[in-house]
Amino acid sequence: MTYVPARPLGGGAFRSHVPGGNLHAAQSPRPGDGRVRPAGRRRRPPRARRGSEAWILADPLAAAESYATAEAGLNALAVASGLAYLATVVVFIVWFHRVAKNASVWAPDLQSRTPGWAIGAWFIPIADLWIPRQIAVDAWRASRPDPHAADGARELTLLNSWWTCFVVGLVLDRLSSTLYKRVETLDALTTAATWSLVGYSFMVAAGVLAILFVRRLTSMQHTKATGMLSAAK
């Protein structure tokens, strides 16, 4: 009879050689549960969530590649949106200065700022959060048939909605920029990207409302100017 050594505990089934017999898998109980399972059968450890700290430590190369891909995509998005935003800003500020200048002719006593502020106010930190709105309100009132009439119940809803979305989007954009500068992990990058996307959402809404506001105020000024020319004739 030839003796075949058994495998160590946990490495698989115990085997013995018995003449005329069969190979049998020994059963090894798991401590604490009282059940019997085939030896060597283990549970797989839970997989780390993609992007978590555990995933980064388990596969740093894949984490670095994922980080680089995400960063490249976000940078491309930032460049494209930045160029589109810059072009829009230039056109909008030129228009904004024009309507403010018209308003200063029609109702100079209602204007809290000179037309030059319609350009400069956008480039003053903190002040850019309220001065442009004030200029827009003054221009709106001056463009009505009766500039000194009281505001209607919901007359400034469009203007206020546009400005609210713009300010919220601007604040969130600055917040996400600060978070990007502190990014060291994928979790931090995800957080920064999330706030950035929320900010972009508000900016998109502000853009749509700004188009409606521009069309409405331009129409008001065109109607008033046309009426004044007709009256002069």
Protein backbone atom coordinates (compact mmCIF):
# COMPACT_ATOMS: atom_id res chain seq x y z
CA MET A 1 0.00 0.00 0.00
CA THR A 2 1.30 3.47 -0.94
CA TYR A 3 0.58 6.44 1.39
CA VAL A 4 -0.36 9.71 -0.27
CA PRO A 5 0.01 12.74 2.04
CA ALA A 6 -3.11 14.73 2.65
CA ARG A 7 -3.30 18.35 1.54
CA PRO A 8 -2.99 21.01 4.23
CA LEU A 9 -6.15 22.35 5.85
CA GLY A 10 -7.86 24.97 3.68
CA GLY A 11 -5.92 24.04 0.55
CA GLY A 12 -8.54 21.67 -0.82
CA ALA A 13 -10.00 18.22 -0.09
CA PHE A 14 -8.15 15.54 1.90
CA ARG A 15 -7.38 12.52 -0.25
CA SER A 16 -6.45 9.01 0.81
CA HIS A 17 -5.58 5.94 -1.22
CA VAL A 18 -7.49 2.87 -0.28
CA PRO A 19 -7.14 -0.22 -2.43
CA GLY A 20 -10.40 -0.83 -4.22
CA GLY A 21 -11.91 2.33 -2.79
CA ASN A 22 -12.87 5.71 -4.22
CA LEU A 23 -11.52 9.25 -3.68
CA HIS A 24 -13.62 11.17 -1.17
CA ALA A 25 -13.64 14.91 -0.41
CA ALA A 26 -13.37 15.47 3.30
CA GLN A 27 -15.80 17.90 4.82
CA SER A 28 -14.43 20.79 6.87
CA PRO A 29 -16.78 22.75 9.12
CA ARG A 30 -16.55 26.56 9.19
CA PRO A 31 -15.85 27.79 12.72
CA GLY A 32 -18.83 29.26 14.45
CA ASP A 33 -21.71 28.32 12.13
CA GLY A 34 -21.95 24.57 12.74
CA ARG A 35 -22.37 23.84 9.05
CA VAL A 36 -20.25 21.57 6.94
CA ARG A 37 -18.86 22.75 3.61
CA PRO A 38 -16.44 21.17 1.17
CA ALA A 39 -12.90 21.97 2.18
CA GLY A 40 -11.16 24.65 0.17
CA ARG A 41 -14.37 26.45 -0.89
CA ARG A 42 -14.02 30.08 0.10
CA ARG A 43 -16.14 33.15 -0.35
CA ARG A 44 -14.79 35.80 -2.68
CA PRO A 45 -13.98 39.04 -0.95
CA PRO A 46 -16.37 41.90 -1.86
CA ARG A 47 -15.22 43.89 -4.87
CA ALA A 48 -14.21 47.45 -4.16
CA ARG A 49 -16.51 50.11 -5.58
CA ARG A 50 -15.02 51.79 -8.62
CA GLY A 51 -13.62 55.16 -7.61
CA SER A 52 -13.38 54.35 -3.91
CA GLU A 53 -10.18 54.52 -1.89
CA ALA A 54 -10.08 50.71 -1.69
CA TRP A 55 -10.32 50.44 -5.47
CA ILE A 56 -7.47 52.91 -5.91
CA LEU A 57 -5.25 50.96 -3.52
CA ALA A 58 -6.15 47.63 -5.12
CA ASP A 59 -5.46 48.80 -8.68
CA PRO A 60 -3.51 52.08 -8.71
CA LEU A 61 -2.69 51.81 -12.43
CA ALA A 62 -6.35 51.55 -13.45
CA ALA A 63 -7.18 54.37 -11.05
CA ALA A 64 -4.54 56.62 -12.60
CA GLU A 65 -5.81 55.88 -16.12
CA SER A 66 -9.39 56.55 -15.05
CA TYR A 67 -8.36 59.79 -13.38
CA ALA A 68 -6.47 60.95 -16.50
CA THR A 69 -9.41 60.12 -18.79
CA ALA A 70 -11.87 61.97 -16.58
CA GLU A 71 -9.58 64.97 -16.26
CA ALA A 72 -9.01 65.15 -20.04
CA GLY A 73 -12.74 65.03 -20.71
CA LEU A 74 -13.48 67.74 -18.18
CA ASN A 75 -10.69 69.95 -19.52
CA ALA A 76 -12.03 69.66 -23.07
CA LEU A 77 -15.52 70.49 -21.84
CA ALA A 78 -14.17 73.47 -19.91
CA VAL A 79 -12.33 74.86 -22.95
CA ALA A 80 -15.34 74.49 -25.27
CA SER A 81 -17.77 76.01 -22.80
CA GLY A 82 -15.30 78.77 -21.97
CA LEU A 83 -14.99 79.88 -25.60
CA ALA A 84 -18.75 79.81 -26.12
CA TYR A 85 -19.28 81.69 -22.87
CA LEU A 86 -16.71 84.37 -23.80
CA ALA A 87 -18.35 85.04 -27.18
CA THR A 88 -21.77 85.26 -25.54
CA VAL A 89 -20.49 87.65 -22.86
CA VAL A 90 -19.04 90.06 -25.41
CA VAL A 91 -22.27 90.22 -27.45
CA PHE A 92 -24.44 90.50 -24.34
CA ILE A 93 -22.42 93.30 -22.73
CA VAL A 94 -22.50 95.35 -25.96
CA TRP A 95 -26.30 94.96 -26.01
CA PHE A 96 -26.59 95.67 -22.28
CA HIS A 97 -24.66 98.94 -22.63
CA ARG A 98 -26.88 99.99 -25.53
CA VAL A 99 -30.16 99.47 -23.65
CA ALA A 100 -28.74 101.22 -20.58
CA LYS A 101 -27.76 104.19 -22.74
CA ASN A 102 -31.26 104.34 -24.23
CA ALA A 103 -32.76 104.22 -20.75
CA SER A 104 -30.59 107.12 -19.62
CA VAL A 105 -32.10 109.23 -22.43
CA TRP A 106 -35.73 108.29 -21.77
CA ALA A 107 -35.73 108.41 -17.97
CA PRO A 108 -32.44 109.79 -16.62
CA ASP A 109 -33.93 110.42 -13.18
CA LEU A 110 -34.64 106.68 -12.76
CA GLN A 111 -31.12 105.52 -13.54
CA SER A 112 -29.05 104.66 -10.46
CA ARG A 113 -25.87 104.22 -12.54
CA THR A 114 -24.35 105.74 -15.63
CA PRO A 115 -24.30 103.63 -18.84
CA GLY A 116 -20.59 102.90 -18.30
CA TRP A 117 -21.52 100.73 -15.34
CA ALA A 118 -23.37 98.42 -17.74
CA ILE A 119 -19.91 97.31 -18.85
CA GLY A 120 -17.70 97.75 -15.82
CA ALA A 121 -20.02 96.22 -13.22
CA TRP A 122 -19.56 92.74 -14.68
CA PHE A 123 -15.84 92.79 -13.90
CA ILE A 124 -16.01 93.87 -10.25
CA PRO A 125 -15.99 90.90 -7.81
CA ILE A 126 -18.98 90.74 -5.47
CA ALA A 127 -20.48 93.87 -7.08
CA ASP A 128 -21.20 91.79 -10.19
CA LEU A 129 -23.77 89.90 -8.14
CA TRP A 130 -26.22 92.80 -7.82
CA ILE A 131 -25.23 95.97 -9.77
CA PRO A 132 -26.00 94.54 -13.26
CA ARG A 133 -29.45 93.51 -12.04
CA GLN A 134 -30.06 97.00 -10.74
CA ILE A 135 -29.10 98.45 -14.13
CA ALA A 136 -31.38 95.95 -15.87
CA VAL A 137 -34.32 96.92 -13.65
CA ASP A 138 -33.72 100.63 -14.32
CA ALA A 139 -33.56 100.00 -18.07
CA TRP A 140 -36.73 97.91 -17.93
CA ARG A 141 -38.69 100.64 -16.15
CA ALA A 142 -37.40 103.36 -18.46
CA SER A 143 -38.49 101.30 -21.48
CA ARG A 144 -42.15 101.14 -20.42
CA PRO A 145 -44.70 103.52 -21.90
CA ASP A 146 -44.84 105.20 -18.50
CA PRO A 147 -41.44 104.87 -16.78
CA HIS A 148 -42.74 106.23 -13.48
CA ALA A 149 -45.65 103.79 -13.20
CA ALA A 150 -45.62 101.22 -10.39
CA ASP A 151 -44.31 97.75 -11.18
CA GLY A 152 -46.88 95.14 -12.03
CA ALA A 153 -47.46 92.15 -9.74
CA ARG A 154 -45.31 89.82 -11.83
CA GLU A 155 -43.72 92.28 -14.19
CA LEU A 156 -40.15 91.56 -13.10
CA THR A 157 -40.54 87.77 -12.78
CA LEU A 158 -38.59 87.03 -15.97
CA LEU A 159 -35.77 89.39 -15.00
CA ASN A 160 -35.57 88.03 -11.43
CA SER A 161 -35.65 84.40 -12.60
CA TRP A 162 -32.82 85.03 -15.04
CA TRP A 163 -30.71 86.79 -12.44
CA THR A 164 -31.33 84.15 -9.75
CA CYS A 165 -30.21 81.31 -12.03
CA PHE A 166 -27.20 83.32 -13.16
CA VAL A 167 -26.01 84.12 -9.62
CA VAL A 168 -26.52 80.54 -8.38
CA GLY A 169 -24.66 79.16 -11.39
CA LEU A 170 -21.84 81.66 -10.92
CA VAL A 171 -21.42 80.79 -7.23
CA LEU A 172 -21.44 77.04 -7.93
CA ASP A 173 -18.90 77.52 -10.73
CA ARG A 174 -16.53 79.28 -8.33
CA LEU A 175 -17.12 76.57 -5.73
CA SER A 176 -16.33 73.77 -8.19
CA SER A 177 -13.18 75.61 -9.33
CA THR A 178 -11.98 75.71 -5.73
CA LEU A 179 -12.72 72.01 -5.29
CA TYR A 180 -10.83 71.13 -8.49
CA LYS A 181 -7.72 72.82 -7.14
CA ARG A 182 -7.84 70.53 -4.08
CA VAL A 183 -8.47 67.27 -5.93
CA GLU A 184 -6.22 64.42 -4.80
CA THR A 185 -8.53 61.41 -5.10
CA LEU A 186 -11.20 60.19 -7.50
CA ASP A 187 -13.85 60.77 -4.85
CA ALA A 188 -12.80 64.41 -4.59
CA LEU A 189 -12.82 64.69 -8.39
CA THR A 190 -16.32 63.24 -8.51
CA THR A 191 -17.53 65.77 -5.94
CA ALA A 192 -16.00 68.68 -7.86
CA ALA A 193 -17.44 67.43 -11.14
CA THR A 194 -20.89 67.06 -9.59
CA TRP A 195 -20.95 70.65 -8.35
CA SER A 196 -19.61 71.79 -11.71
CA LEU A 197 -22.44 70.03 -13.57
CA VAL A 198 -25.03 71.51 -11.19
CA GLY A 199 -23.55 74.94 -11.85
CA TYR A 200 -23.67 74.34 -15.61
CA SER A 201 -27.34 73.38 -15.29
CA PHE A 202 -28.15 76.69 -13.65
CA MET A 203 -26.09 78.53 -16.27
CA VAL A 204 -28.01 76.79 -19.06
CA ALA A 205 -31.29 77.85 -17.44
CA ALA A 206 -29.93 81.37 -17.03
CA GLY A 207 -28.94 81.39 -20.71
CA VAL A 208 -32.44 80.45 -21.83
CA LEU A 209 -34.02 83.06 -19.55
CA ALA A 210 -31.48 85.66 -20.69
CA ILE A 211 -32.53 85.11 -24.32
CA LEU A 212 -36.16 85.68 -23.34
CA PHE A 213 -35.19 88.77 -21.33
CA VAL A 214 -33.15 90.22 -24.20
CA ARG A 215 -35.97 89.67 -26.67
CA ARG A 216 -38.54 91.20 -24.32
CA LEU A 217 -36.52 94.30 -23.40
CA THR A 218 -35.39 94.85 -27.00
CA SER A 219 -39.01 94.68 -28.12
CA MET A 220 -40.02 97.18 -25.41
CA GLN A 221 -37.32 99.64 -26.44
CA HIS A 222 -38.09 99.21 -30.14
CA THR A 223 -41.80 99.86 -29.51
CA LYS A 224 -41.04 102.93 -27.42
CA ALA A 225 -38.55 104.35 -29.89
CA THR A 226 -40.96 103.74 -32.79
CA GLY A 227 -43.78 105.42 -30.88
CA MET A 228 -41.64 108.45 -30.08
CA LEU A 229 -40.65 108.82 -33.74
CA SER A 230 -44.29 108.57 -34.82
CA ALA A 231 -45.31 111.18 -32.26
CA ALA A 232 -42.52 113.50 -33.42
CA LYS A 233 -43.84 113.35 -36.97
